[in-house]
Amino acid sequence: MNRQRILVVDDEPQIQRFLTPALVAAGYETLNAANAADALRLIATMAPDAVVLDLGLPDLDGKDVLRQLRAFCEVPVLVLSARDREAEKIAALDLGADDYIEKPFAIGELMARLRTALRRKAREAGEQTRVEIGPLVVDTLKRLVTKGGEVVRLTPKEYDLLVLLIRHAGRVVTHRQLLAAVWGPAHVEDTQYLRVFIGQLRAKIEPDPASPTIVTTEPGVGYRLVAQAQ
């Protein structure tokens, strides 16, 4: 069986020395790039299954790499960076990153998020129409949502929000992405409006809406539908 190929883009030799053996030990094949030019070339020619991308590259900002690669491919991208400002996270996620991990990082967390991103890619390729999250079942062909066998009656906007989060399960979806997709580009600043609808959705689908475990909050950034291993 072919091993999944992961491209690590980072100009810090110590990160490459630490991360590459860990990926190999986990059963992945690795590619390495220390700058944006090599990264974009390898993405175009070697078709990695996922990319771990540092933002602080010597020849180009990592956000510009994201912008360029999203013009020609949908490979999962995990941003790995020492930049901890909220605005940097939001910008990277809005440009198409699947997740954002701050340095210093725990290898176990990175591996878990990598597996989630790869599972999401596989799900999208398979076009799943029925998703089960504990007692919650969403059938997108029938536009039917049930919880413990009982029909959950969602408004059209609540349903669209849930399906969008499911399609990006395990990935942070920013406020702007959710608002643009469900309400349109004119509403990308209406974050309070979004919070109201997320609250209504949680009240209907969560086991305990006060302590949500299905739709979780990424403070100041957006929301994540917690993906469960299949």
Protein backbone atom coordinates (compact mmCIF):
# COMPACT_ATOMS: atom_id res chain seq x y z
CA MET A 1 0.00 0.00 0.00
CA ASN A 2 1.30 3.45 -0.92
CA ARG A 3 2.23 5.62 2.03
CA GLN A 4 0.70 9.08 2.29
CA ARG A 5 3.16 11.81 1.41
CA ILE A 6 3.60 14.83 3.69
CA LEU A 7 5.49 17.97 2.66
CA VAL A 8 7.15 19.84 5.53
CA VAL A 9 7.89 23.47 4.64
CA ASP A 10 10.11 25.10 7.27
CA ASP A 11 13.46 26.89 7.13
CA GLU A 12 14.44 25.85 10.67
CA PRO A 13 16.72 22.79 10.46
CA GLN A 14 15.82 21.72 13.99
CA ILE A 15 12.11 21.52 13.04
CA GLN A 16 12.94 19.41 10.00
CA ARG A 17 15.18 17.13 12.11
CA PHE A 18 12.46 16.75 14.73
CA LEU A 19 9.38 16.44 12.54
CA THR A 20 10.61 14.32 9.63
CA PRO A 21 11.59 11.22 11.71
CA ALA A 22 8.32 11.48 13.63
CA LEU A 23 6.32 11.45 10.39
CA VAL A 24 8.33 8.52 9.03
CA ALA A 25 7.83 6.60 12.27
CA ALA A 26 4.08 7.21 11.93
CA GLY A 27 4.11 5.60 8.49
CA TYR A 28 4.24 8.64 6.21
CA GLU A 29 6.59 9.42 3.34
CA THR A 30 8.11 12.89 3.69
CA LEU A 31 9.18 15.71 1.42
CA ASN A 32 11.07 18.76 2.68
CA ALA A 33 11.34 22.37 1.58
CA ALA A 34 13.09 25.28 3.29
CA ASN A 35 11.59 28.06 1.17
CA ALA A 36 8.45 29.01 -0.72
CA ALA A 37 9.83 28.41 -4.20
CA ASP A 38 10.77 24.79 -3.45
CA ALA A 39 7.48 24.26 -1.63
CA LEU A 40 5.35 25.40 -4.56
CA ARG A 41 7.44 23.35 -6.99
CA LEU A 42 7.05 20.19 -4.90
CA ILE A 43 3.32 20.73 -4.44
CA ALA A 44 2.90 21.07 -8.19
CA THR A 45 5.14 18.17 -9.19
CA MET A 46 4.98 15.64 -6.34
CA ALA A 47 1.30 15.99 -5.29
CA PRO A 48 1.72 15.57 -1.52
CA ASP A 49 -1.30 14.35 0.46
CA ALA A 50 -0.86 17.14 3.03
CA VAL A 51 1.41 20.12 3.72
CA VAL A 52 2.79 21.34 7.06
CA LEU A 53 3.60 24.98 6.35
CA ASP A 54 5.61 27.52 8.35
CA LEU A 55 4.57 31.15 7.79
CA GLY A 56 8.03 32.68 8.32
CA LEU A 57 9.86 31.60 5.15
CA PRO A 58 12.97 33.42 3.84
CA ASP A 59 11.68 34.21 0.33
CA LEU A 60 7.92 34.63 0.75
CA ASP A 61 5.38 34.88 3.55
CA GLY A 62 3.61 31.60 4.16
CA LYS A 63 0.23 33.28 3.61
CA ASP A 64 1.32 34.10 0.06
CA VAL A 65 2.26 30.45 -0.42
CA LEU A 66 -1.26 29.54 0.71
CA ARG A 67 -2.76 32.04 -1.71
CA GLN A 68 -0.75 30.66 -4.63
CA LEU A 69 -1.26 26.97 -3.93
CA ARG A 70 -5.01 27.39 -3.46
CA ALA A 71 -5.13 28.65 -7.04
CA PHE A 72 -4.34 25.16 -8.32
CA CYS A 73 -4.91 22.53 -5.61
CA GLU A 74 -6.95 21.64 -2.52
CA VAL A 75 -4.26 19.74 -0.59
CA PRO A 76 -4.82 19.90 3.20
CA VAL A 77 -2.54 22.51 4.80
CA LEU A 78 -1.61 22.69 8.48
CA VAL A 79 0.02 26.01 9.31
CA LEU A 80 2.83 25.66 11.83
CA SER A 81 4.09 28.99 13.11
CA ALA A 82 5.55 30.94 16.01
CA ARG A 83 3.20 33.81 15.19
CA ASP A 84 0.55 33.68 17.89
CA ARG A 85 -1.46 36.78 16.98
CA GLU A 86 -5.14 36.06 16.41
CA ALA A 87 -5.12 38.08 13.17
CA GLU A 88 -2.44 35.79 11.70
CA LYS A 89 -4.51 32.69 12.45
CA ILE A 90 -7.63 34.18 10.93
CA ALA A 91 -5.78 35.36 7.80
CA ALA A 92 -4.21 31.91 7.24
CA LEU A 93 -7.52 30.11 7.76
CA ASP A 94 -9.39 32.53 5.51
CA LEU A 95 -6.80 31.86 2.80
CA GLY A 96 -7.53 28.14 2.96
CA ALA A 97 -5.43 26.60 5.72
CA ASP A 98 -7.11 23.59 7.30
CA ASP A 99 -5.70 24.17 10.77
CA TYR A 100 -3.19 26.30 12.71
CA ILE A 101 -0.68 25.00 15.25
CA GLU A 102 1.54 27.30 17.28
CA LYS A 103 5.23 26.70 17.97
CA PRO A 104 6.36 25.22 20.25
CA PHE A 105 4.01 22.31 19.62
CA ALA A 106 3.35 18.79 20.87
CA ILE A 107 4.01 16.15 18.23
CA GLY A 108 0.97 14.15 19.36
CA GLU A 109 -1.35 17.10 18.72
CA LEU A 110 0.16 17.76 15.31
CA MET A 111 -0.23 14.10 14.31
CA ALA A 112 -3.85 14.06 15.47
CA ARG A 113 -4.68 17.19 13.50
CA LEU A 114 -2.88 15.80 10.47
CA ARG A 115 -4.93 12.59 10.61
CA THR A 116 -8.11 14.67 10.88
CA ALA A 117 -7.19 16.73 7.82
CA LEU A 118 -6.40 13.59 5.81
CA ARG A 119 -9.70 11.98 6.87
CA ARG A 120 -11.57 15.10 5.78
CA LYS A 121 -9.91 14.93 2.37
CA ALA A 122 -10.90 11.26 2.04
CA ARG A 123 -14.49 12.04 3.06
CA GLU A 124 -14.75 14.81 0.49
CA ALA A 125 -13.41 12.49 -2.21
CA GLY A 126 -16.05 9.92 -1.25
CA GLU A 127 -18.88 12.48 -1.12
CA GLN A 128 -20.50 11.12 2.04
CA THR A 129 -24.22 11.81 2.24
CA ARG A 130 -24.84 10.32 5.69
CA VAL A 131 -22.82 11.38 8.72
CA GLU A 132 -23.13 10.04 12.26
CA ILE A 133 -21.75 11.91 15.27
CA GLY A 134 -22.75 9.92 18.32
CA PRO A 135 -26.58 9.96 18.44
CA LEU A 136 -26.73 12.72 15.80
CA VAL A 137 -27.34 11.57 12.20
CA VAL A 138 -27.33 13.93 9.23
CA ASP A 139 -28.59 12.68 5.86
CA THR A 140 -27.86 15.35 3.27
CA LEU A 141 -29.74 13.55 0.48
CA LYS A 142 -32.97 13.62 2.50
CA ARG A 143 -32.08 16.90 4.27
CA LEU A 144 -32.92 15.01 7.44
CA VAL A 145 -31.33 15.44 10.87
CA THR A 146 -32.11 13.06 13.73
CA LYS A 147 -30.87 12.81 17.29
CA GLY A 148 -31.35 9.51 19.10
CA GLY A 149 -33.84 8.53 16.39
CA GLU A 150 -35.96 11.68 16.85
CA VAL A 151 -36.23 14.23 14.04
CA VAL A 152 -34.43 17.51 14.78
CA ARG A 153 -36.24 20.44 13.18
CA LEU A 154 -33.70 22.98 11.98
CA THR A 155 -34.34 26.26 10.20
CA PRO A 156 -32.81 26.51 6.70
CA LYS A 157 -29.91 28.65 7.99
CA GLU A 158 -29.25 26.31 10.94
CA TYR A 159 -29.20 23.36 8.54
CA ASP A 160 -26.85 25.14 6.11
CA LEU A 161 -24.50 25.99 9.00
CA LEU A 162 -24.46 22.39 10.21
CA VAL A 163 -23.79 20.94 6.74
CA LEU A 164 -21.00 23.45 6.09
CA LEU A 165 -19.34 22.51 9.39
CA ILE A 166 -19.75 18.80 8.60
CA ARG A 167 -18.09 19.25 5.21
CA HIS A 168 -15.12 20.76 7.01
CA ALA A 169 -15.26 18.39 10.00
CA GLY A 170 -12.20 18.70 12.22
CA ARG A 171 -11.19 21.97 10.57
CA VAL A 172 -11.58 25.46 11.99
CA VAL A 173 -14.05 27.44 9.87
CA THR A 174 -13.68 31.17 10.42
CA HIS A 175 -16.50 33.57 11.17
CA ARG A 176 -16.04 35.21 7.77
CA GLN A 177 -16.11 31.89 5.92
CA LEU A 178 -19.33 30.81 7.64
CA LEU A 179 -21.05 34.16 7.18
CA ALA A 180 -20.05 34.47 3.51
CA ALA A 181 -21.16 30.92 2.69
CA VAL A 182 -24.49 30.96 4.53
CA TRP A 183 -25.55 34.64 4.43
CA GLY A 184 -23.44 36.06 1.61
CA PRO A 185 -20.41 38.38 1.30
CA ALA A 186 -22.34 41.42 2.52
CA HIS A 187 -22.63 39.83 5.99
CA VAL A 188 -19.01 38.81 6.72
CA GLU A 189 -18.77 41.21 9.67
CA ASP A 190 -22.01 40.09 11.38
CA THR A 191 -20.31 37.86 13.96
CA GLN A 192 -22.90 38.51 16.67
CA TYR A 193 -25.60 37.31 14.27
CA LEU A 194 -23.59 34.13 13.71
CA ARG A 195 -23.23 33.54 17.47
CA VAL A 196 -27.01 33.62 17.84
CA PHE A 197 -27.50 30.98 15.15
CA ILE A 198 -24.70 28.79 16.52
CA GLY A 199 -26.37 29.00 19.93
CA GLN A 200 -29.71 27.95 18.41
CA LEU A 201 -28.06 25.07 16.54
CA ARG A 202 -26.27 23.84 19.67
CA ALA A 203 -29.54 23.93 21.63
CA LYS A 204 -30.97 21.43 19.16
CA ILE A 205 -28.06 19.06 18.48
CA GLU A 206 -25.73 19.09 21.51
CA PRO A 207 -26.10 16.63 24.43
CA ASP A 208 -25.41 19.60 26.72
CA PRO A 209 -25.62 22.97 24.90
CA ALA A 210 -23.89 24.68 27.85
CA SER A 211 -20.81 22.49 27.31
CA PRO A 212 -20.76 21.84 23.55
CA THR A 213 -18.86 18.79 22.30
CA ILE A 214 -20.01 18.69 18.66
CA VAL A 215 -19.61 22.33 17.55
CA THR A 216 -16.75 23.83 19.53
CA THR A 217 -15.57 27.45 19.65
CA GLU A 218 -12.14 28.62 18.53
CA PRO A 219 -12.12 31.93 20.48
CA GLY A 220 -11.94 34.97 18.24
CA VAL A 221 -11.49 32.81 15.13
CA GLY A 222 -14.49 30.61 14.36
CA TYR A 223 -15.97 27.17 15.00
CA ARG A 224 -14.96 23.56 14.57
CA LEU A 225 -17.18 20.51 14.21
CA VAL A 226 -15.39 17.84 16.23
CA ALA A 227 -14.60 14.92 13.95
CA GLN A 228 -14.86 11.46 15.40
CA ALA A 229 -12.67 8.63 14.17
CA GLN A 230 -14.48 6.22 11.88
